[in-house]
Amino acid sequence: MSDERPPEPDRVEGAPHPRETARIFGQETAEAAFLDAVAAGRLHHAWLITGPRGVGKATLGWRIARFLLSQPATGADGPGLFGDVAAPGPATTLDLPPDDPVARRVLAGTEPRLFHLRRTWDDDARRLRTAISVDEVRRLKAFFQLTAADGGRRVALVDAADDLNLPAANALLKLLEEPPADAVLLLVSHRPAGLLPTIRSRCRELRLAPLAPADLAAALAAAGAVVATDEAGRLAALAGGSVGEALRLLSLDGLAAYAEIIALFADSPGIDRQAAMRLSETAAGRGAEPRADLLASLMDLFLARLARSGIVGPPDPEAGPGEAALMRRLSPDAAAARHWAGLQTELGERLRRGRAVNLDPAALLLDMVLRINRAAGVPAARSTGGA
């Protein structure tokens, strides 16, 4: 038996787990909205924390959980949050001192009033399960049925609600419809539109925004990531304001990979086919899955930036050397933008179908490259008056 701990589905490789992250950057609006609701006595029993991946949703959820568990709950015979005479004025921050007992227990994973619902490890298959099952939600229900040792509040953090399968989602809905006393549920969601409408309707939403470059840089520094000054702008452009995506790009040398893609298409629709094959072959073989996923996501991003360029002009800052000139040539107008947006949708669907039947990742990537290359001839022909 190996003593190696199984991977955590809610941890970005190379970064601290959200429960270990004390600070959050660039999300002051959402944090203030929550504190305002608490101060006004409108603490909802369920909060849906939404926004793009990697912008701090789980970090905010853990901050809220620590904060709530450190405060007195509303009891049938007692005052509400901040309601006792000795309490100070309304809190202006979710921060807790590092030596706070709740903060220490949450960090150690020993806080008895906190339930963390997420995908679990399958010992037989030696991998993370693909969904949160109804059995896990039943464990959450049992947790709420227990009386807290000190009679205080209990908190459940679901990360991510998008991972609930349908039976689990329906079981969670029953908890939202009949919430236990002095309980708060915090649901993290990257794609709230995919949740059951009845789940969304029973939650108050806290929407988080992509991080501005300065906030992204501060968050990366707090996570221990070192970014060269000349790379900061390119990294921010590729990451789309997501700390998680920025960390993934750094760990997989994503800036260099995107520069390869720009260089490959510099002469499109007449690319070097041997160079295209060499690029796709870097995603072949056992252990190359992260590289394959990286290149596929960067190809998709390249198409999205092409489509955007035809509407608002070439990107500034560039995400790779020569990107602005290439996009100015390939996507000069709104018609070209529609062309590239349509191709992005088409290739995304082809990639999903190919993965579903376990096609070779290298072959899928080469197909994407060649189809993008052929499509590059359409805007070029239009701009020169060709067919």
Protein backbone atom coordinates (compact mmCIF):
# COMPACT_ATOMS: atom_id res chain seq x y z
CA MET A 1 0.00 0.00 0.00
CA SER A 2 1.27 3.44 -0.87
CA ASP A 3 1.22 6.22 1.71
CA GLU A 4 0.75 8.78 -1.06
CA ARG A 5 -2.32 10.92 -0.51
CA PRO A 6 -4.89 10.87 -3.32
CA PRO A 7 -5.22 14.03 -5.41
CA GLU A 8 -7.76 16.64 -4.39
CA PRO A 9 -10.24 17.61 -7.12
CA ASP A 10 -10.42 21.21 -5.88
CA ARG A 11 -6.68 21.89 -5.76
CA VAL A 12 -4.78 23.50 -8.64
CA GLU A 13 -1.44 21.76 -9.14
CA GLY A 14 1.40 23.87 -7.82
CA ALA A 15 -0.85 26.09 -5.70
CA PRO A 16 -2.04 26.01 -2.10
CA HIS A 17 -5.47 24.49 -1.49
CA PRO A 18 -8.17 27.18 -1.10
CA ARG A 19 -8.55 26.29 2.59
CA GLU A 20 -4.85 27.16 2.99
CA THR A 21 -5.21 30.52 1.23
CA ALA A 22 -5.76 33.30 3.72
CA ARG A 23 -6.12 36.24 1.32
CA ILE A 24 -8.27 36.83 -1.72
CA PHE A 25 -7.49 39.41 -4.39
CA GLY A 26 -9.77 41.46 -6.60
CA GLN A 27 -13.09 40.25 -5.15
CA GLU A 28 -13.83 43.04 -2.70
CA THR A 29 -17.29 43.65 -4.20
CA ALA A 30 -18.51 40.09 -3.57
CA GLU A 31 -17.01 39.99 -0.09
CA ALA A 32 -18.62 43.32 0.80
CA ALA A 33 -22.00 42.12 -0.49
CA PHE A 34 -21.86 39.13 1.84
CA LEU A 35 -20.84 41.23 4.85
CA ASP A 36 -23.58 43.77 4.10
CA ALA A 37 -26.17 40.97 4.11
CA VAL A 38 -24.88 39.69 7.44
CA ALA A 39 -24.84 43.15 8.98
CA ALA A 40 -28.42 43.75 7.84
CA GLY A 41 -29.62 40.46 9.34
CA ARG A 42 -30.21 38.90 5.91
CA LEU A 43 -27.89 35.91 6.16
CA HIS A 44 -29.36 33.55 3.57
CA HIS A 45 -29.23 29.81 4.24
CA ALA A 46 -27.64 29.09 0.81
CA TRP A 47 -25.11 31.05 -1.25
CA LEU A 48 -24.10 30.30 -4.83
CA ILE A 49 -20.57 31.54 -5.50
CA THR A 50 -20.14 31.85 -9.27
CA GLY A 51 -17.63 33.08 -11.81
CA PRO A 52 -14.93 31.73 -14.14
CA ARG A 53 -12.57 29.02 -12.97
CA GLY A 54 -9.63 30.12 -10.90
CA VAL A 55 -10.80 33.57 -9.80
CA GLY A 56 -11.09 32.78 -6.09
CA LYS A 57 -14.55 31.23 -5.67
CA ALA A 58 -13.41 28.39 -3.43
CA THR A 59 -11.08 30.71 -1.51
CA LEU A 60 -14.02 33.01 -0.81
CA GLY A 61 -16.11 30.02 0.23
CA TRP A 62 -13.51 28.93 2.78
CA ARG A 63 -13.18 32.51 4.06
CA ILE A 64 -16.94 32.73 4.55
CA ALA A 65 -17.01 29.32 6.26
CA ARG A 66 -14.28 30.30 8.74
CA PHE A 67 -15.98 33.61 9.42
CA LEU A 68 -19.42 32.08 10.04
CA LEU A 69 -18.08 29.35 12.29
CA SER A 70 -16.29 31.92 14.42
CA GLN A 71 -19.50 33.86 15.05
CA PRO A 72 -22.47 33.03 17.31
CA ALA A 73 -25.42 31.54 15.47
CA THR A 74 -29.07 32.48 15.69
CA GLY A 75 -30.74 30.20 18.24
CA ALA A 76 -34.34 29.85 19.20
CA ASP A 77 -33.60 31.35 22.61
CA GLY A 78 -30.67 33.54 21.78
CA PRO A 79 -29.64 36.57 19.74
CA GLY A 80 -28.59 36.46 16.13
CA LEU A 81 -25.27 37.11 14.49
CA PHE A 82 -23.81 40.26 16.06
CA GLY A 83 -27.03 40.53 18.03
CA ASP A 84 -25.76 40.23 21.59
CA VAL A 85 -25.11 43.36 23.63
CA ALA A 86 -21.40 42.74 24.01
CA ALA A 87 -20.78 42.33 20.29
CA PRO A 88 -18.86 45.02 18.42
CA GLY A 89 -20.16 46.74 15.32
CA PRO A 90 -20.72 44.88 12.04
CA ALA A 91 -17.68 43.10 10.68
CA THR A 92 -15.86 44.85 7.85
CA THR A 93 -13.74 41.87 6.80
CA LEU A 94 -13.87 38.09 6.67
CA ASP A 95 -10.30 37.88 7.98
CA LEU A 96 -9.57 35.81 11.06
CA PRO A 97 -6.31 35.86 13.01
CA PRO A 98 -4.13 32.84 12.10
CA ASP A 99 -4.24 31.69 15.72
CA ASP A 100 -8.05 31.76 15.87
CA PRO A 101 -9.22 28.30 17.02
CA VAL A 102 -11.66 27.98 14.11
CA ALA A 103 -8.99 28.98 11.60
CA ARG A 104 -6.60 26.39 13.02
CA ARG A 105 -9.21 23.61 12.98
CA VAL A 106 -10.35 24.40 9.43
CA LEU A 107 -6.77 24.39 8.20
CA ALA A 108 -6.16 21.04 9.89
CA GLY A 109 -9.41 19.58 8.56
CA THR A 110 -10.71 18.92 12.08
CA GLU A 111 -13.53 21.47 12.37
CA PRO A 112 -16.56 19.32 13.37
CA ARG A 113 -19.13 21.91 12.27
CA LEU A 114 -17.87 22.06 8.68
CA PHE A 115 -18.73 19.56 5.92
CA HIS A 116 -16.71 19.63 2.70
CA LEU A 117 -18.64 18.04 -0.18
CA ARG A 118 -16.58 17.25 -3.28
CA ARG A 119 -15.73 14.39 -5.62
CA THR A 120 -14.13 11.48 -3.79
CA TRP A 121 -11.34 9.03 -4.52
CA ASP A 122 -12.17 5.59 -5.96
CA ASP A 123 -9.73 3.13 -4.38
CA ASP A 124 -10.62 0.34 -6.81
CA ALA A 125 -10.18 2.41 -9.98
CA ARG A 126 -7.31 4.45 -8.49
CA ARG A 127 -8.76 7.72 -9.71
CA LEU A 128 -11.10 10.50 -8.68
CA ARG A 129 -14.74 9.80 -9.26
CA THR A 130 -16.24 11.81 -12.11
CA ALA A 131 -19.21 13.10 -10.10
CA ILE A 132 -20.51 13.75 -6.60
CA SER A 133 -22.89 10.89 -5.85
CA VAL A 134 -26.18 10.83 -3.97
CA ASP A 135 -24.47 8.82 -1.21
CA GLU A 136 -22.20 11.77 -0.48
CA VAL A 137 -25.21 14.12 -0.25
CA ARG A 138 -26.84 11.65 2.16
CA ARG A 139 -23.73 11.93 4.33
CA LEU A 140 -24.25 15.71 4.26
CA LYS A 141 -27.87 15.26 5.34
CA ALA A 142 -26.75 13.05 8.22
CA PHE A 143 -24.20 15.71 9.20
CA PHE A 144 -26.98 18.30 9.49
CA GLN A 145 -29.12 15.93 11.55
CA LEU A 146 -26.47 15.74 14.22
CA THR A 147 -26.54 18.32 16.99
CA ALA A 148 -23.48 20.53 16.97
CA ALA A 149 -21.33 19.98 20.05
CA ASP A 150 -21.67 23.61 21.12
CA GLY A 151 -25.14 24.20 19.67
CA GLY A 152 -23.66 26.59 17.14
CA ARG A 153 -23.87 27.08 13.42
CA ARG A 154 -22.91 24.42 10.87
CA VAL A 155 -21.58 25.11 7.38
CA ALA A 156 -21.35 22.93 4.25
CA LEU A 157 -19.07 23.86 1.34
CA VAL A 158 -19.88 22.18 -1.99
CA ASP A 159 -17.00 22.43 -4.45
CA ALA A 160 -18.12 22.22 -7.09
CA ALA A 161 -21.89 22.03 -7.41
CA ASP A 162 -21.34 21.43 -11.14
CA ASP A 163 -20.02 17.95 -10.21
CA LEU A 164 -23.31 16.77 -8.69
CA ASN A 165 -24.95 14.00 -10.69
CA LEU A 166 -28.73 14.26 -11.10
CA PRO A 167 -29.73 12.12 -8.08
CA ALA A 168 -27.24 14.03 -5.93
CA ALA A 169 -28.53 17.38 -7.21
CA ASN A 170 -32.11 16.38 -6.38
CA ALA A 171 -31.05 15.24 -2.90
CA LEU A 172 -29.27 18.55 -2.31
CA LEU A 173 -32.35 20.40 -3.52
CA LYS A 174 -34.37 18.83 -0.72
CA LEU A 175 -31.92 20.25 1.81
CA LEU A 176 -32.22 23.68 0.21
CA GLU A 177 -36.01 23.48 0.29
CA GLU A 178 -36.07 22.50 3.97
CA PRO A 179 -32.86 23.98 5.38
CA PRO A 180 -31.73 22.83 8.82
CA ALA A 181 -31.70 25.41 11.59
CA ASP A 182 -28.49 27.42 11.97
CA ALA A 183 -27.01 25.91 8.81
CA VAL A 184 -25.46 27.65 5.82
CA LEU A 185 -24.67 25.97 2.50
CA LEU A 186 -21.99 27.46 0.25
CA LEU A 187 -22.11 26.20 -3.35
CA VAL A 188 -19.20 26.89 -5.70
CA SER A 189 -20.16 26.81 -9.39
CA HIS A 190 -18.15 27.46 -12.54
CA ARG A 191 -21.20 26.97 -14.79
CA PRO A 192 -24.33 28.00 -12.86
CA ALA A 193 -26.49 27.78 -15.99
CA GLY A 194 -25.94 24.02 -15.91
CA LEU A 195 -27.38 23.62 -12.40
CA LEU A 196 -30.99 22.77 -11.72
CA PRO A 197 -33.00 26.01 -11.95
CA THR A 198 -34.62 25.11 -8.64
CA ILE A 199 -31.19 24.96 -6.97
CA ARG A 200 -30.26 28.38 -8.37
CA SER A 201 -33.57 29.88 -7.27
CA ARG A 202 -33.03 28.84 -3.65
CA CYS A 203 -29.59 30.42 -3.38
CA ARG A 204 -28.38 33.98 -3.19
CA GLU A 205 -25.66 34.52 -5.77
CA LEU A 206 -22.23 36.02 -5.22
CA ARG A 207 -20.67 36.57 -8.64
CA LEU A 208 -16.91 36.88 -8.88
CA ALA A 209 -15.20 38.66 -11.78
CA PRO A 210 -11.97 37.86 -13.65
CA LEU A 211 -8.97 39.44 -11.97
CA ALA A 212 -7.34 42.60 -13.27
CA PRO A 213 -3.64 42.15 -14.15
CA ALA A 214 -2.44 43.76 -10.91
CA ASP A 215 -4.69 41.55 -8.77
CA LEU A 216 -3.66 38.49 -10.78
CA ALA A 217 0.01 39.28 -10.21
CA ALA A 218 -0.59 39.76 -6.47
CA ALA A 219 -2.47 36.46 -6.23
CA LEU A 220 0.27 34.62 -8.09
CA ALA A 221 2.91 36.08 -5.80
CA ALA A 222 0.88 35.00 -2.77
CA ALA A 223 0.78 31.47 -4.23
CA GLY A 224 4.56 31.49 -4.54
CA ALA A 225 4.64 31.81 -8.34
CA VAL A 226 7.45 33.87 -9.85
CA VAL A 227 6.58 35.66 -13.08
CA ALA A 228 9.12 37.62 -15.12
CA THR A 229 8.15 41.23 -15.75
CA ASP A 230 8.16 40.77 -19.52
CA GLU A 231 5.83 37.76 -19.20
CA ALA A 232 3.24 39.26 -16.85
CA GLY A 233 1.14 40.94 -19.54
CA ARG A 234 1.17 37.88 -21.83
CA LEU A 235 0.26 35.60 -18.95
CA ALA A 236 -2.64 37.84 -17.91
CA ALA A 237 -3.93 37.89 -21.49
CA LEU A 238 -3.86 34.10 -21.81
CA ALA A 239 -5.18 33.35 -18.32
CA GLY A 240 -8.22 35.60 -18.72
CA GLY A 241 -8.02 36.86 -15.16
CA SER A 242 -7.90 33.35 -13.66
CA VAL A 243 -5.24 32.55 -11.08
CA GLY A 244 -5.85 28.83 -11.53
CA GLU A 245 -5.34 29.06 -15.29
CA ALA A 246 -2.26 31.23 -14.85
CA LEU A 247 -0.73 28.64 -12.53
CA ARG A 248 -1.53 25.87 -15.03
CA LEU A 249 0.09 27.84 -17.83
CA LEU A 250 3.19 28.44 -15.74
CA SER A 251 3.51 24.79 -14.70
CA LEU A 252 3.15 23.54 -18.30
CA ASP A 253 5.19 26.31 -19.98
CA GLY A 254 2.04 27.57 -21.65
CA LEU A 255 3.50 30.89 -22.78
CA ALA A 256 6.08 29.07 -24.90
CA ALA A 257 3.40 26.72 -26.25
CA TYR A 258 1.21 29.64 -27.34
CA ALA A 259 4.21 31.30 -28.97
CA GLU A 260 4.70 28.05 -30.94
CA ILE A 261 1.10 28.21 -32.13
CA ILE A 262 1.47 31.83 -33.26
CA ALA A 263 4.70 30.99 -35.09
CA LEU A 264 3.08 27.93 -36.71
CA PHE A 265 0.23 29.97 -38.20
CA ALA A 266 2.38 32.96 -39.17
CA ASP A 267 2.41 31.82 -42.81
CA SER A 268 -1.10 30.34 -42.91
CA PRO A 269 -2.77 29.24 -45.09
CA GLY A 270 0.65 27.91 -46.06
CA ILE A 271 1.93 26.46 -42.81
CA ASP A 272 4.88 24.10 -42.51
CA ARG A 273 3.19 20.69 -42.27
CA GLN A 274 6.27 19.11 -40.72
CA ALA A 275 6.22 21.75 -37.97
CA ALA A 276 2.52 21.02 -37.46
CA MET A 277 3.24 17.33 -37.04
CA ARG A 278 6.09 17.99 -34.62
CA LEU A 279 3.85 20.18 -32.47
CA SER A 280 1.02 17.63 -32.37
CA GLU A 281 3.41 14.77 -31.59
CA THR A 282 4.41 16.48 -28.34
CA ALA A 283 0.95 15.45 -27.11
CA ALA A 284 1.42 11.77 -27.99
CA GLY A 285 2.11 8.90 -25.64
CA ARG A 286 1.54 7.95 -22.04
CA GLY A 287 1.93 10.84 -19.61
CA ALA A 288 1.37 13.50 -22.28
CA GLU A 289 -2.26 14.14 -21.32
CA PRO A 290 -1.54 17.51 -19.63
CA ARG A 291 0.34 18.67 -22.74
CA ALA A 292 -2.53 17.53 -24.98
CA ASP A 293 -5.08 19.37 -22.83
CA LEU A 294 -2.90 22.48 -22.82
CA LEU A 295 -2.49 22.58 -26.59
CA ALA A 296 -6.21 21.93 -27.17
CA SER A 297 -7.20 24.76 -24.82
CA LEU A 298 -4.65 27.12 -26.39
CA MET A 299 -5.94 26.32 -29.89
CA ASP A 300 -9.46 27.09 -28.68
CA LEU A 301 -8.22 30.33 -27.12
CA PHE A 302 -6.40 31.24 -30.34
CA LEU A 303 -9.67 30.92 -32.27
CA ALA A 304 -11.56 32.93 -29.66
CA ARG A 305 -8.97 35.71 -29.85
CA LEU A 306 -9.18 35.65 -33.65
CA ALA A 307 -12.95 36.08 -33.47
CA ARG A 308 -12.64 38.91 -30.96
CA SER A 309 -9.97 40.61 -33.05
CA GLY A 310 -12.36 40.97 -35.98
CA ILE A 311 -14.77 42.90 -33.75
CA VAL A 312 -12.59 45.03 -31.47
CA GLY A 313 -9.22 44.96 -33.24
CA PRO A 314 -5.96 43.11 -32.58
CA PRO A 315 -5.21 42.17 -28.97
CA ASP A 316 -3.35 44.55 -26.71
CA PRO A 317 -1.30 43.30 -25.01
CA GLU A 318 -0.23 40.44 -27.22
CA ALA A 319 -0.21 36.97 -25.72
CA GLY A 320 2.64 35.93 -27.99
CA PRO A 321 5.19 37.56 -30.32
CA GLY A 322 3.61 38.56 -33.63
CA GLU A 323 0.06 37.81 -32.48
CA ALA A 324 -1.37 41.25 -33.28
CA ALA A 325 -0.07 41.29 -36.86
CA LEU A 326 -1.28 37.73 -37.49
CA MET A 327 -4.76 38.46 -36.19
CA ARG A 328 -4.97 41.71 -38.11
CA ARG A 329 -4.31 39.72 -41.29
CA LEU A 330 -6.56 36.73 -40.56
CA SER A 331 -9.44 38.53 -38.87
CA PRO A 332 -9.75 42.00 -40.38
CA ASP A 333 -13.51 42.50 -39.99
CA ALA A 334 -16.79 41.31 -38.49
CA ALA A 335 -17.35 38.76 -41.26
CA ALA A 336 -14.01 37.14 -40.45
CA ALA A 337 -14.92 37.22 -36.76
CA ARG A 338 -18.08 35.20 -37.46
CA HIS A 339 -16.06 32.79 -39.58
CA TRP A 340 -13.61 32.10 -36.75
CA ALA A 341 -16.29 31.91 -34.08
CA GLY A 342 -18.12 29.28 -36.11
CA LEU A 343 -14.93 27.28 -36.54
CA GLN A 344 -14.22 27.47 -32.82
CA THR A 345 -17.62 25.94 -32.07
CA GLU A 346 -17.19 23.25 -34.74
CA LEU A 347 -13.70 22.21 -33.66
CA GLY A 348 -14.67 22.23 -30.00
CA GLU A 349 -17.44 19.75 -30.73
CA ARG A 350 -15.14 17.58 -32.88
CA LEU A 351 -12.62 17.52 -30.05
CA ARG A 352 -15.26 16.48 -27.50
CA ARG A 353 -16.51 13.67 -29.75
CA GLY A 354 -12.96 12.50 -30.42
CA ARG A 355 -12.12 12.37 -26.74
CA ALA A 356 -15.35 10.51 -26.00
CA VAL A 357 -14.23 7.63 -28.23
CA ASN A 358 -10.58 7.83 -27.10
CA LEU A 359 -9.08 8.98 -30.38
CA ASP A 360 -5.35 9.68 -30.37
CA PRO A 361 -4.82 13.19 -28.88
CA ALA A 362 -1.98 13.91 -31.31
CA ALA A 363 -4.22 13.08 -34.27
CA LEU A 364 -6.99 15.28 -32.90
CA LEU A 365 -4.60 18.20 -32.50
CA LEU A 366 -3.12 17.77 -35.98
CA ASP A 367 -6.66 17.76 -37.39
CA MET A 368 -7.36 21.04 -35.54
CA VAL A 369 -4.19 22.62 -36.91
CA LEU A 370 -4.90 21.59 -40.50
CA ARG A 371 -8.52 22.75 -40.38
CA ILE A 372 -7.48 26.13 -38.94
CA ASN A 373 -4.89 26.41 -41.70
CA ARG A 374 -7.47 25.70 -44.42
CA ALA A 375 -9.90 28.15 -42.83
CA ALA A 376 -7.23 30.84 -42.88
CA GLY A 377 -7.57 30.98 -46.66
CA VAL A 378 -11.16 32.23 -46.47
CA PRO A 379 -10.49 35.67 -44.89
CA ALA A 380 -7.39 36.01 -47.07
CA ALA A 381 -9.38 35.32 -50.23
CA ARG A 382 -12.09 37.76 -49.15
CA SER A 383 -9.61 40.56 -48.47
CA THR A 384 -8.03 40.16 -51.93
CA GLY A 385 -11.36 39.85 -53.72
CA GLY A 386 -11.05 36.11 -54.35
CA ALA A 387 -13.81 33.55 -54.25
